[in-house]
PDB file of N, CA and C in Angstrom:
ATOM      1  N   MET A   1    -167.076-134.181 177.212  1.00  0.00           N
ATOM      2  CA  MET A   1    -166.671-132.787 177.407  1.00  0.00           C
ATOM      3  C   MET A   1    -165.250-132.562 176.910  1.00  0.00           C
ATOM      4  N   GLU A   2    -164.394-133.543 177.069  1.00  0.00           N
ATOM      5  CA  GLU A   2    -163.005-133.414 176.624  1.00  0.00           C
ATOM      6  C   GLU A   2    -162.953-133.208 175.102  1.00  0.00           C
ATOM      7  N   ILE A   3    -163.781-133.925 174.369  1.00  0.00           N
ATOM      8  CA  ILE A   3    -163.822-133.786 172.916  1.00  0.00           C
ATOM      9  C   ILE A   3    -164.282-132.379 172.526  1.00  0.00           C
ATOM     10  N   ILE A   4    -165.292-131.876 173.211  1.00  0.00           N
ATOM     11  CA  ILE A   4    -165.789-130.525 172.935  1.00  0.00           C
ATOM     12  C   ILE A   4    -164.713-129.504 173.260  1.00  0.00           C
ATOM     13  N   LYS A   5    -163.996-129.683 174.358  1.00  0.00           N
ATOM     14  CA  LYS A   5    -162.928-128.758 174.741  1.00  0.00           C
ATOM     15  C   LYS A   5    -161.827-128.765 173.690  1.00  0.00           C
ATOM     16  N   ARG A   6    -161.395-129.938 173.225  1.00  0.00           N
ATOM     17  CA  ARG A   6    -160.355-130.003 172.186  1.00  0.00           C
ATOM     18  C   ARG A   6    -160.815-129.356 170.902  1.00  0.00           C
ATOM     19  N   ASP A   7    -162.082-129.574 170.541  1.00  0.00           N
ATOM     20  CA  ASP A   7    -162.623-128.992 169.315  1.00  0.00           C
ATOM     21  C   ASP A   7    -162.668-127.459 169.431  1.00  0.00           C
ATOM     22  N   TYR A   8    -163.051-126.957 170.587  1.00  0.00           N
ATOM     23  CA  TYR A   8    -163.101-125.513 170.816  1.00  0.00           C
ATOM     24  C   TYR A   8    -161.704-124.922 170.639  1.00  0.00           C
ATOM     25  N   ILE A   9    -160.712-125.507 171.269  1.00  0.00           N
ATOM     26  CA  ILE A   9    -159.339-124.974 171.185  1.00  0.00           C
ATOM     27  C   ILE A   9    -158.849-125.053 169.743  1.00  0.00           C
ATOM     28  N   GLN A  10    -159.121-126.160 169.048  1.00  0.00           N
ATOM     29  CA  GLN A  10    -158.669-126.331 167.682  1.00  0.00           C
ATOM     30  C   GLN A  10    -159.367-125.334 166.752  1.00  0.00           C
ATOM     31  N   SER A  11    -160.651-125.118 166.911  1.00  0.00           N
ATOM     32  CA  SER A  11    -161.420-124.282 165.990  1.00  0.00           C
ATOM     33  C   SER A  11    -161.243-122.790 166.248  1.00  0.00           C
ATOM     34  N   THR A  12    -160.962-122.394 167.488  1.00  0.00           N
ATOM     35  CA  THR A  12    -160.809-120.988 167.792  1.00  0.00           C
ATOM     36  C   THR A  12    -159.368-120.549 167.953  1.00  0.00           C
ATOM     37  N   GLY A  13    -158.481-121.490 168.234  1.00  0.00           N
ATOM     38  CA  GLY A  13    -157.085-121.152 168.507  1.00  0.00           C
ATOM     39  C   GLY A  13    -156.902-120.559 169.882  1.00  0.00           C
ATOM     40  N   LEU A  14    -157.954-120.568 170.690  1.00  0.00           N
ATOM     41  CA  LEU A  14    -157.860-120.023 172.053  1.00  0.00           C
ATOM     42  C   LEU A  14    -157.812-121.131 173.068  1.00  0.00           C
ATOM     43  N   ASN A  15    -156.924-121.003 174.019  1.00  0.00           N
ATOM     44  CA  ASN A  15    -156.835-121.957 175.116  1.00  0.00           C
ATOM     45  C   ASN A  15    -157.857-121.496 176.146  1.00  0.00           C
ATOM     46  N   THR A  16    -158.714-122.388 176.605  1.00  0.00           N
ATOM     47  CA  THR A  16    -159.776-122.015 177.537  1.00  0.00           C
ATOM     48  C   THR A  16    -159.211-121.514 178.865  1.00  0.00           C
ATOM     49  N   ASP A  17    -157.952-121.811 179.168  1.00  0.00           N
ATOM     50  CA  ASP A  17    -157.335-121.344 180.397  1.00  0.00           C
ATOM     51  C   ASP A  17    -156.857-119.899 180.302  1.00  0.00           C
ATOM     52  N   ASP A  18    -156.699-119.390 179.090  1.00  0.00           N
ATOM     53  CA  ASP A  18    -156.193-118.030 178.919  1.00  0.00           C
ATOM     54  C   ASP A  18    -157.015-117.318 177.864  1.00  0.00           C
ATOM     55  N   LEU A  19    -158.095-116.715 178.285  1.00  0.00           N
ATOM     56  CA  LEU A  19    -158.969-115.952 177.391  1.00  0.00           C
ATOM     57  C   LEU A  19    -158.763-114.455 177.557  1.00  0.00           C
ATOM     58  N   ALA A  20    -157.635-114.060 178.118  1.00  0.00           N
ATOM     59  CA  ALA A  20    -157.385-112.625 178.412  1.00  0.00           C
ATOM     60  C   ALA A  20    -157.455-111.762 177.171  1.00  0.00           C
ATOM     61  N   LEU A  21    -157.065-112.309 176.011  1.00  0.00           N
ATOM     62  CA  LEU A  21    -157.062-111.507 174.792  1.00  0.00           C
ATOM     63  C   LEU A  21    -158.219-111.830 173.863  1.00  0.00           C
ATOM     64  N   ALA A  22    -159.177-112.590 174.311  1.00  0.00           N
ATOM     65  CA  ALA A  22    -160.298-112.998 173.465  1.00  0.00           C
ATOM     66  C   ALA A  22    -161.121-111.821 172.974  1.00  0.00           C
ATOM     67  N   GLY A  23    -161.172-110.747 173.727  1.00  0.00           N
ATOM     68  CA  GLY A  23    -161.946-109.590 173.319  1.00  0.00           C
ATOM     69  C   GLY A  23    -161.130-108.515 172.620  1.00  0.00           C
ATOM     70  N   ALA A  24    -159.904-108.839 172.217  1.00  0.00           N
ATOM     71  CA  ALA A  24    -159.064-107.861 171.571  1.00  0.00           C
ATOM     72  C   ALA A  24    -159.691-107.353 170.284  1.00  0.00           C
ATOM     73  N   VAL A  25    -159.483-106.100 170.002  1.00  0.00           N
ATOM     74  CA  VAL A  25    -160.034-105.469 168.825  1.00  0.00           C
ATOM     75  C   VAL A  25    -158.886-105.141 167.863  1.00  0.00           C
ATOM     76  N   PHE A  26    -159.083-105.452 166.612  1.00  0.00           N
ATOM     77  CA  PHE A  26    -158.076-105.150 165.566  1.00  0.00           C
ATOM     78  C   PHE A  26    -158.293-103.705 165.153  1.00  0.00           C
ATOM     79  N   ASP A  27    -157.422-102.820 165.572  1.00  0.00           N
ATOM     80  CA  ASP A  27    -157.562-101.401 165.313  1.00  0.00           C
ATOM     81  C   ASP A  27    -156.452-100.939 164.380  1.00  0.00           C
ATOM     82  N   THR A  28    -156.785-100.618 163.141  1.00  0.00           N
ATOM     83  CA  THR A  28    -155.784-100.241 162.152  1.00  0.00           C
ATOM     84  C   THR A  28    -155.123 -98.895 162.450  1.00  0.00           C
ATOM     85  N   ASP A  29    -155.677 -98.140 163.387  1.00  0.00           N
ATOM     86  CA  ASP A  29    -155.086 -96.842 163.770  1.00  0.00           C
ATOM     87  C   ASP A  29    -153.974 -97.003 164.797  1.00  0.00           C
ATOM     88  N   MET A  30    -153.828 -98.181 165.368  1.00  0.00           N
ATOM     89  CA  MET A  30    -152.785 -98.434 166.359  1.00  0.00           C
ATOM     90  C   MET A  30    -151.474 -98.759 165.669  1.00  0.00           C
ATOM     91  N   GLN A  31    -150.320 -98.520 166.375  1.00  0.00           N
ATOM     92  CA  GLN A  31    -149.033 -98.866 165.808  1.00  0.00           C
ATOM     93  C   GLN A  31    -148.823-100.382 165.854  1.00  0.00           C
ATOM     94  N   THR A  32    -149.279-101.021 166.941  1.00  0.00           N
ATOM     95  CA  THR A  32    -149.203-102.484 167.057  1.00  0.00           C
ATOM     96  C   THR A  32    -150.510-103.005 167.587  1.00  0.00           C
ATOM     97  N   VAL A  33    -150.835-104.229 167.221  1.00  0.00           N
ATOM     98  CA  VAL A  33    -152.027-104.908 167.728  1.00  0.00           C
ATOM     99  C   VAL A  33    -151.584-106.258 168.287  1.00  0.00           C
ATOM    100  N   VAL A  34    -152.440-106.882 169.077  1.00  0.00           N
ATOM    101  CA  VAL A  34    -152.135-108.188 169.667  1.00  0.00           C
ATOM    102  C   VAL A  34    -153.151-109.207 169.149  1.00  0.00           C
ATOM    103  N   CYS A  35    -152.658-110.319 168.631  1.00  0.00           N
ATOM    104  CA  CYS A  35    -153.526-111.371 168.151  1.00  0.00           C
ATOM    105  C   CYS A  35    -154.179-112.062 169.343  1.00  0.00           C
ATOM    106  N   PRO A  36    -155.496-112.187 169.370  1.00  0.00           N
ATOM    107  CA  PRO A  36    -156.158-112.845 170.497  1.00  0.00           C
ATOM    108  C   PRO A  36    -155.950-114.339 170.524  1.00  0.00           C
ATOM    109  N   ALA A  37    -155.496-114.925 169.441  1.00  0.00           N
ATOM    110  CA  ALA A  37    -155.287-116.379 169.394  1.00  0.00           C
ATOM    111  C   ALA A  37    -153.898-116.760 169.897  1.00  0.00           C
ATOM    112  N   CYS A  38    -152.858-116.034 169.487  1.00  0.00           N
ATOM    113  CA  CYS A  38    -151.491-116.460 169.825  1.00  0.00           C
ATOM    114  C   CYS A  38    -150.685-115.410 170.581  1.00  0.00           C
ATOM    115  N   SER A  39    -151.262-114.247 170.848  1.00  0.00           N
ATOM    116  CA  SER A  39    -150.636-113.165 171.607  1.00  0.00           C
ATOM    117  C   SER A  39    -149.475-112.497 170.884  1.00  0.00           C
ATOM    118  N   THR A  40    -149.334-112.725 169.590  1.00  0.00           N
ATOM    119  CA  THR A  40    -148.280-112.077 168.823  1.00  0.00           C
ATOM    120  C   THR A  40    -148.595-110.604 168.632  1.00  0.00           C
ATOM    121  N   ARG A  41    -147.608-109.754 168.829  1.00  0.00           N
ATOM    122  CA  ARG A  41    -147.764-108.313 168.586  1.00  0.00           C
ATOM    123  C   ARG A  41    -147.236-108.050 167.184  1.00  0.00           C
ATOM    124  N   PHE A  42    -147.982-107.255 166.419  1.00  0.00           N
ATOM    125  CA  PHE A  42    -147.571-106.936 165.051  1.00  0.00           C
ATOM    126  C   PHE A  42    -148.231-105.663 164.584  1.00  0.00           C
ATOM    127  N   ALA A  43    -147.660-105.061 163.539  1.00  0.00           N
ATOM    128  CA  ALA A  43    -148.253-103.861 162.951  1.00  0.00           C
ATOM    129  C   ALA A  43    -149.482-104.267 162.121  1.00  0.00           C
ATOM    130  N   PRO A  44    -150.561-103.539 162.206  1.00  0.00           N
ATOM    131  CA  PRO A  44    -151.801-103.910 161.499  1.00  0.00           C
ATOM    132  C   PRO A  44    -151.744-103.569 160.017  1.00  0.00           C
ATOM    133  N   THR A  45    -150.701-104.013 159.327  1.00  0.00           N
ATOM    134  CA  THR A  45    -150.544-103.739 157.908  1.00  0.00           C
ATOM    135  C   THR A  45    -151.255-104.752 157.029  1.00  0.00           C
ATOM    136  N   SER A  46    -151.633-105.882 157.591  1.00  0.00           N
ATOM    137  CA  SER A  46    -152.407-106.866 156.827  1.00  0.00           C
ATOM    138  C   SER A  46    -153.552-107.365 157.706  1.00  0.00           C
ATOM    139  N   PRO A  47    -154.607-107.905 157.094  1.00  0.00           N
ATOM    140  CA  PRO A  47    -155.772-108.324 157.870  1.00  0.00           C
ATOM    141  C   PRO A  47    -155.641-109.715 158.492  1.00  0.00           C
ATOM    142  N   LYS A  48    -154.387-110.218 158.672  1.00  0.00           N
ATOM    143  CA  LYS A  48    -154.233-111.513 159.359  1.00  0.00           C
ATOM    144  C   LYS A  48    -152.961-111.499 160.176  1.00  0.00           C
ATOM    145  N   CYS A  49    -152.936-112.333 161.194  1.00  0.00           N
ATOM    146  CA  CYS A  49    -151.779-112.440 162.071  1.00  0.00           C
ATOM    147  C   CYS A  49    -150.631-113.114 161.306  1.00  0.00           C
ATOM    148  N   PRO A  50    -149.434-112.529 161.352  1.00  0.00           N
ATOM    149  CA  PRO A  50    -148.310-113.140 160.624  1.00  0.00           C
ATOM    150  C   PRO A  50    -147.823-114.422 161.278  1.00  0.00           C
ATOM    151  N   GLU A  51    -148.159-114.646 162.517  1.00  0.00           N
ATOM    152  CA  GLU A  51    -147.697-115.850 163.224  1.00  0.00           C
ATOM    153  C   GLU A  51    -148.636-117.036 163.034  1.00  0.00           C
ATOM    154  N   CYS A  52    -149.913-116.844 163.355  1.00  0.00           N
ATOM    155  CA  CYS A  52    -150.855-117.980 163.309  1.00  0.00           C
ATOM    156  C   CYS A  52    -151.843-117.926 162.149  1.00  0.00           C
ATOM    157  N   GLY A  53    -151.917-116.776 161.467  1.00  0.00           N
ATOM    158  CA  GLY A  53    -152.797-116.661 160.315  1.00  0.00           C
ATOM    159  C   GLY A  53    -154.245-116.315 160.610  1.00  0.00           C
ATOM    160  N   LEU A  54    -154.561-115.986 161.868  1.00  0.00           N
ATOM    161  CA  LEU A  54    -155.937-115.617 162.228  1.00  0.00           C
ATOM    162  C   LEU A  54    -156.366-114.408 161.389  1.00  0.00           C
ATOM    163  N   GLN A  55    -157.489-114.482 160.749  1.00  0.00           N
ATOM    164  CA  GLN A  55    -158.015-113.424 159.875  1.00  0.00           C
ATOM    165  C   GLN A  55    -158.808-112.391 160.679  1.00  0.00           C
ATOM    166  N   PHE A  56    -158.604-111.119 160.375  1.00  0.00           N
ATOM    167  CA  PHE A  56    -159.342-110.038 160.997  1.00  0.00           C
ATOM    168  C   PHE A  56    -160.124-109.302 159.893  1.00  0.00           C
ATOM    169  N   GLY A  57    -161.344-108.909 160.245  1.00  0.00           N
ATOM    170  CA  GLY A  57    -162.113-108.103 159.319  1.00  0.00           C
ATOM    171  C   GLY A  57    -162.757-108.880 158.290  1.00  0.00           C
TER     172      GLY A  57
END
């Protein structure tokens, strides 16, 4: 189970202890959006998070 847990965290960028932002929606009409992987707030001017590189869309 530990191997599966590590693989999940590595492949999704989400910590299983903090899934609060896992359902976040990338909305280009908003002034800022929150990355569900790293919680970085940024303007939706590009389809990826500037901090961790998570791709949206």
